[in-house]
Amino acid sequence: MGKLNLKTDPRVEAVFANYPDFIRDKMQFLRALVIETARETEGVDKLEETLKVARRITK
């Protein structure tokens, strides 16, 4: 397994910082798990971390 090239949107840290502690801890754990899994997966050499916007649809 080679080195993982991790590209992170700088807004990710700001969004995580605004979560309440009990949610931020869980989100950081999941983030670390995804990065660790990518590092351990053969053939994965790039990982891009982005933010997705959820839109609420009202009728």
PDB file of N, CA and C in Angstrom:
ATOM      1  N   MET A   1       0.827  -1.177   0.000  1.00  0.00           N
ATOM      2  CA  MET A   1       0.000   0.000   0.000  1.00  0.00           C
ATOM      3  C   MET A   1       0.872   1.242   0.000  1.00  0.00           C
ATOM      4  N   GLY A   2       0.567   2.140  -0.924  1.00  0.00           N
ATOM      5  CA  GLY A   2       1.332   3.370  -1.040  1.00  0.00           C
ATOM      6  C   GLY A   2       0.788   4.467  -0.149  1.00  0.00           C
ATOM      7  N   LYS A   3       1.341   5.627  -0.347  1.00  0.00           N
ATOM      8  CA  LYS A   3       0.917   6.780   0.433  1.00  0.00           C
ATOM      9  C   LYS A   3      -0.430   7.287  -0.064  1.00  0.00           C
ATOM     10  N   LEU A   4      -1.297   7.663   0.868  1.00  0.00           N
ATOM     11  CA  LEU A   4      -2.620   8.176   0.529  1.00  0.00           C
ATOM     12  C   LEU A   4      -2.540   9.687   0.353  1.00  0.00           C
ATOM     13  N   ASN A   5      -3.035  10.167  -0.774  1.00  0.00           N
ATOM     14  CA  ASN A   5      -3.127  11.599  -1.036  1.00  0.00           C
ATOM     15  C   ASN A   5      -4.518  12.044  -0.593  1.00  0.00           C
ATOM     16  N   LEU A   6      -4.594  12.743   0.546  1.00  0.00           N
ATOM     17  CA  LEU A   6      -5.863  13.190   1.112  1.00  0.00           C
ATOM     18  C   LEU A   6      -6.063  14.662   0.790  1.00  0.00           C
ATOM     19  N   LYS A   7      -7.126  14.961   0.063  1.00  0.00           N
ATOM     20  CA  LYS A   7      -7.464  16.340  -0.276  1.00  0.00           C
ATOM     21  C   LYS A   7      -8.694  16.719   0.544  1.00  0.00           C
ATOM     22  N   THR A   8      -8.558  17.769   1.356  1.00  0.00           N
ATOM     23  CA  THR A   8      -9.637  18.170   2.253  1.00  0.00           C
ATOM     24  C   THR A   8     -10.113  19.576   1.930  1.00  0.00           C
ATOM     25  N   ASP A   9     -11.423  19.726   1.813  1.00  0.00           N
ATOM     26  CA  ASP A   9     -12.021  21.048   1.662  1.00  0.00           C
ATOM     27  C   ASP A   9     -11.793  21.786   2.981  1.00  0.00           C
ATOM     28  N   PRO A  10     -11.206  22.983   2.960  1.00  0.00           N
ATOM     29  CA  PRO A  10     -10.910  23.700   4.203  1.00  0.00           C
ATOM     30  C   PRO A  10     -12.149  24.015   5.033  1.00  0.00           C
ATOM     31  N   ARG A  11     -13.309  23.989   4.437  1.00  0.00           N
ATOM     32  CA  ARG A  11     -14.543  24.267   5.188  1.00  0.00           C
ATOM     33  C   ARG A  11     -14.941  23.113   6.097  1.00  0.00           C
ATOM     34  N   VAL A  12     -14.389  21.922   5.862  1.00  0.00           N
ATOM     35  CA  VAL A  12     -14.751  20.757   6.676  1.00  0.00           C
ATOM     36  C   VAL A  12     -14.457  21.005   8.146  1.00  0.00           C
ATOM     37  N   GLU A  13     -13.265  21.493   8.453  1.00  0.00           N
ATOM     38  CA  GLU A  13     -12.906  21.745   9.856  1.00  0.00           C
ATOM     39  C   GLU A  13     -13.839  22.763  10.493  1.00  0.00           C
ATOM     40  N   ALA A  14     -14.207  23.787   9.760  1.00  0.00           N
ATOM     41  CA  ALA A  14     -15.109  24.816  10.301  1.00  0.00           C
ATOM     42  C   ALA A  14     -16.486  24.230  10.603  1.00  0.00           C
ATOM     43  N   VAL A  15     -16.979  23.387   9.714  1.00  0.00           N
ATOM     44  CA  VAL A  15     -18.290  22.764   9.934  1.00  0.00           C
ATOM     45  C   VAL A  15     -18.231  21.828  11.137  1.00  0.00           C
ATOM     46  N   PHE A  16     -17.184  21.019  11.220  1.00  0.00           N
ATOM     47  CA  PHE A  16     -17.047  20.104  12.353  1.00  0.00           C
ATOM     48  C   PHE A  16     -16.948  20.884  13.670  1.00  0.00           C
ATOM     49  N   ALA A  17     -16.266  22.014  13.659  1.00  0.00           N
ATOM     50  CA  ALA A  17     -16.095  22.810  14.877  1.00  0.00           C
ATOM     51  C   ALA A  17     -17.421  23.347  15.404  1.00  0.00           C
ATOM     52  N   ASN A  18     -18.407  23.487  14.533  1.00  0.00           N
ATOM     53  CA  ASN A  18     -19.703  24.020  14.942  1.00  0.00           C
ATOM     54  C   ASN A  18     -20.679  22.958  15.447  1.00  0.00           C
ATOM     55  N   TYR A  19     -20.331  21.689  15.324  1.00  0.00           N
ATOM     56  CA  TYR A  19     -21.188  20.633  15.860  1.00  0.00           C
ATOM     57  C   TYR A  19     -21.093  20.617  17.383  1.00  0.00           C
ATOM     58  N   PRO A  20     -22.172  20.228  18.069  1.00  0.00           N
ATOM     59  CA  PRO A  20     -22.071  20.015  19.521  1.00  0.00           C
ATOM     60  C   PRO A  20     -21.042  18.915  19.803  1.00  0.00           C
ATOM     61  N   ASP A  21     -20.410  18.970  20.976  1.00  0.00           N
ATOM     62  CA  ASP A  21     -19.338  18.027  21.317  1.00  0.00           C
ATOM     63  C   ASP A  21     -19.712  16.572  21.066  1.00  0.00           C
ATOM     64  N   PHE A  22     -20.907  16.149  21.525  1.00  0.00           N
ATOM     65  CA  PHE A  22     -21.268  14.735  21.413  1.00  0.00           C
ATOM     66  C   PHE A  22     -21.443  14.297  19.959  1.00  0.00           C
ATOM     67  N   ILE A  23     -21.802  15.213  19.080  1.00  0.00           N
ATOM     68  CA  ILE A  23     -21.917  14.882  17.656  1.00  0.00           C
ATOM     69  C   ILE A  23     -20.548  14.965  16.988  1.00  0.00           C
ATOM     70  N   ARG A  24     -19.782  16.023  17.316  1.00  0.00           N
ATOM     71  CA  ARG A  24     -18.451  16.207  16.712  1.00  0.00           C
ATOM     72  C   ARG A  24     -17.554  15.003  16.976  1.00  0.00           C
ATOM     73  N   ASP A  25     -17.596  14.467  18.207  1.00  0.00           N
ATOM     74  CA  ASP A  25     -16.773  13.298  18.536  1.00  0.00           C
ATOM     75  C   ASP A  25     -17.113  12.108  17.640  1.00  0.00           C
ATOM     76  N   LYS A  26     -18.396  11.901  17.416  1.00  0.00           N
ATOM     77  CA  LYS A  26     -18.831  10.777  16.564  1.00  0.00           C
ATOM     78  C   LYS A  26     -18.452  11.022  15.099  1.00  0.00           C
ATOM     79  N   MET A  27     -18.614  12.265  14.653  1.00  0.00           N
ATOM     80  CA  MET A  27     -18.249  12.587  13.275  1.00  0.00           C
ATOM     81  C   MET A  27     -16.744  12.442  13.051  1.00  0.00           C
ATOM     82  N   GLN A  28     -15.936  12.871  14.020  1.00  0.00           N
ATOM     83  CA  GLN A  28     -14.482  12.730  13.906  1.00  0.00           C
ATOM     84  C   GLN A  28     -14.079  11.255  13.888  1.00  0.00           C
ATOM     85  N   PHE A  29     -14.774  10.436  14.681  1.00  0.00           N
ATOM     86  CA  PHE A  29     -14.494   8.996  14.686  1.00  0.00           C
ATOM     87  C   PHE A  29     -14.784   8.400  13.304  1.00  0.00           C
ATOM     88  N   LEU A  30     -15.942   8.743  12.726  1.00  0.00           N
ATOM     89  CA  LEU A  30     -16.298   8.222  11.402  1.00  0.00           C
ATOM     90  C   LEU A  30     -15.320   8.709  10.335  1.00  0.00           C
ATOM     91  N   ARG A  31     -14.921   9.972  10.422  1.00  0.00           N
ATOM     92  CA  ARG A  31     -13.959  10.530   9.476  1.00  0.00           C
ATOM     93  C   ARG A  31     -12.637   9.767   9.547  1.00  0.00           C
ATOM     94  N   ALA A  32     -12.158   9.539  10.759  1.00  0.00           N
ATOM     95  CA  ALA A  32     -10.903   8.801  10.944  1.00  0.00           C
ATOM     96  C   ALA A  32     -11.023   7.375  10.411  1.00  0.00           C
ATOM     97  N   LEU A  33     -12.178   6.751  10.609  1.00  0.00           N
ATOM     98  CA  LEU A  33     -12.401   5.388  10.124  1.00  0.00           C
ATOM     99  C   LEU A  33     -12.354   5.332   8.600  1.00  0.00           C
ATOM    100  N   VAL A  34     -12.971   6.299   7.941  1.00  0.00           N
ATOM    101  CA  VAL A  34     -12.953   6.349   6.472  1.00  0.00           C
ATOM    102  C   VAL A  34     -11.526   6.525   5.963  1.00  0.00           C
ATOM    103  N   ILE A  35     -10.774   7.441   6.575  1.00  0.00           N
ATOM    104  CA  ILE A  35      -9.392   7.688   6.149  1.00  0.00           C
ATOM    105  C   ILE A  35      -8.525   6.459   6.390  1.00  0.00           C
ATOM    106  N   GLU A  36      -8.677   5.829   7.551  1.00  0.00           N
ATOM    107  CA  GLU A  36      -7.911   4.613   7.854  1.00  0.00           C
ATOM    108  C   GLU A  36      -8.229   3.503   6.865  1.00  0.00           C
ATOM    109  N   THR A  37      -9.504   3.332   6.552  1.00  0.00           N
ATOM    110  CA  THR A  37      -9.914   2.291   5.603  1.00  0.00           C
ATOM    111  C   THR A  37      -9.323   2.561   4.223  1.00  0.00           C
ATOM    112  N   ALA A  38      -9.329   3.820   3.799  1.00  0.00           N
ATOM    113  CA  ALA A  38      -8.740   4.166   2.498  1.00  0.00           C
ATOM    114  C   ALA A  38      -7.249   3.851   2.480  1.00  0.00           C
ATOM    115  N   ARG A  39      -6.562   4.166   3.577  1.00  0.00           N
ATOM    116  CA  ARG A  39      -5.110   3.889   3.645  1.00  0.00           C
ATOM    117  C   ARG A  39      -4.813   2.399   3.563  1.00  0.00           C
ATOM    118  N   GLU A  40      -5.703   1.591   4.106  1.00  0.00           N
ATOM    119  CA  GLU A  40      -5.478   0.147   4.161  1.00  0.00           C
ATOM    120  C   GLU A  40      -6.006  -0.593   2.935  1.00  0.00           C
ATOM    121  N   THR A  41      -6.675   0.106   2.037  1.00  0.00           N
ATOM    122  CA  THR A  41      -7.282  -0.537   0.874  1.00  0.00           C
ATOM    123  C   THR A  41      -6.350  -0.445  -0.325  1.00  0.00           C
ATOM    124  N   GLU A  42      -5.970  -1.598  -0.811  1.00  0.00           N
ATOM    125  CA  GLU A  42      -5.074  -1.665  -1.961  1.00  0.00           C
ATOM    126  C   GLU A  42      -5.724  -0.986  -3.159  1.00  0.00           C
ATOM    127  N   GLY A  43      -4.959  -0.175  -3.848  1.00  0.00           N
ATOM    128  CA  GLY A  43      -5.448   0.498  -5.037  1.00  0.00           C
ATOM    129  C   GLY A  43      -6.028   1.879  -4.773  1.00  0.00           C
ATOM    130  N   VAL A  44      -6.253   2.215  -3.521  1.00  0.00           N
ATOM    131  CA  VAL A  44      -6.754   3.549  -3.189  1.00  0.00           C
ATOM    132  C   VAL A  44      -5.550   4.424  -2.869  1.00  0.00           C
ATOM    133  N   ASP A  45      -5.343   5.431  -3.708  1.00  0.00           N
ATOM    134  CA  ASP A  45      -4.216   6.328  -3.460  1.00  0.00           C
ATOM    135  C   ASP A  45      -4.660   7.778  -3.311  1.00  0.00           C
ATOM    136  N   LYS A  46      -5.933   8.059  -3.615  1.00  0.00           N
ATOM    137  CA  LYS A  46      -6.468   9.415  -3.472  1.00  0.00           C
ATOM    138  C   LYS A  46      -7.807   9.368  -2.749  1.00  0.00           C
ATOM    139  N   LEU A  47      -8.005  10.337  -1.870  1.00  0.00           N
ATOM    140  CA  LEU A  47      -9.272  10.483  -1.164  1.00  0.00           C
ATOM    141  C   LEU A  47      -9.571  11.968  -1.077  1.00  0.00           C
ATOM    142  N   GLU A  48     -10.766  12.364  -1.509  1.00  0.00           N
ATOM    143  CA  GLU A  48     -11.151  13.772  -1.463  1.00  0.00           C
ATOM    144  C   GLU A  48     -12.297  13.938  -0.477  1.00  0.00           C
ATOM    145  N   GLU A  49     -12.079  14.811   0.487  1.00  0.00           N
ATOM    146  CA  GLU A  49     -13.066  15.090   1.525  1.00  0.00           C
ATOM    147  C   GLU A  49     -13.796  16.380   1.150  1.00  0.00           C
ATOM    148  N   THR A  50     -15.110  16.289   1.022  1.00  0.00           N
ATOM    149  CA  THR A  50     -15.911  17.440   0.616  1.00  0.00           C
ATOM    150  C   THR A  50     -17.126  17.581   1.523  1.00  0.00           C
ATOM    151  N   LEU A  51     -17.826  18.674   1.354  1.00  0.00           N
ATOM    152  CA  LEU A  51     -19.086  18.888   2.060  1.00  0.00           C
ATOM    153  C   LEU A  51     -20.219  18.758   1.066  1.00  0.00           C
ATOM    154  N   LYS A  52     -21.282  18.171   1.507  1.00  0.00           N
ATOM    155  CA  LYS A  52     -22.483  18.071   0.688  1.00  0.00           C
ATOM    156  C   LYS A  52     -23.572  18.898   1.362  1.00  0.00           C
ATOM    157  N   VAL A  53     -24.364  19.566   0.563  1.00  0.00           N
ATOM    158  CA  VAL A  53     -25.424  20.406   1.088  1.00  0.00           C
ATOM    159  C   VAL A  53     -26.732  19.645   0.995  1.00  0.00           C
ATOM    160  N   ALA A  54     -27.409  19.540   2.113  1.00  0.00           N
ATOM    161  CA  ALA A  54     -28.734  18.913   2.117  1.00  0.00           C
ATOM    162  C   ALA A  54     -29.786  20.002   1.926  1.00  0.00           C
ATOM    163  N   ARG A  55     -30.706  19.730   1.064  1.00  0.00           N
ATOM    164  CA  ARG A  55     -31.778  20.695   0.823  1.00  0.00           C
ATOM    165  C   ARG A  55     -33.091  20.091   1.290  1.00  0.00           C
ATOM    166  N   ARG A  56     -33.796  20.865   2.035  1.00  0.00           N
ATOM    167  CA  ARG A  56     -35.087  20.421   2.544  1.00  0.00           C
ATOM    168  C   ARG A  56     -36.160  20.770   1.526  1.00  0.00           C
ATOM    169  N   ILE A  57     -36.943  19.772   1.169  1.00  0.00           N
ATOM    170  CA  ILE A  57     -38.004  19.983   0.194  1.00  0.00           C
ATOM    171  C   ILE A  57     -39.320  20.088   0.953  1.00  0.00           C
ATOM    172  N   THR A  58     -40.011  21.188   0.757  1.00  0.00           N
ATOM    173  CA  THR A  58     -41.316  21.361   1.401  1.00  0.00           C
ATOM    174  C   THR A  58     -42.377  21.481   0.322  1.00  0.00           C
ATOM    175  N   LYS A  59     -43.524  20.943   0.633  1.00  0.00           N
ATOM    176  CA  LYS A  59     -44.629  20.981  -0.341  1.00  0.00           C
ATOM    177  C   LYS A  59     -45.737  21.826   0.200  1.00  0.00           C
TER     178      LYS A  59
END
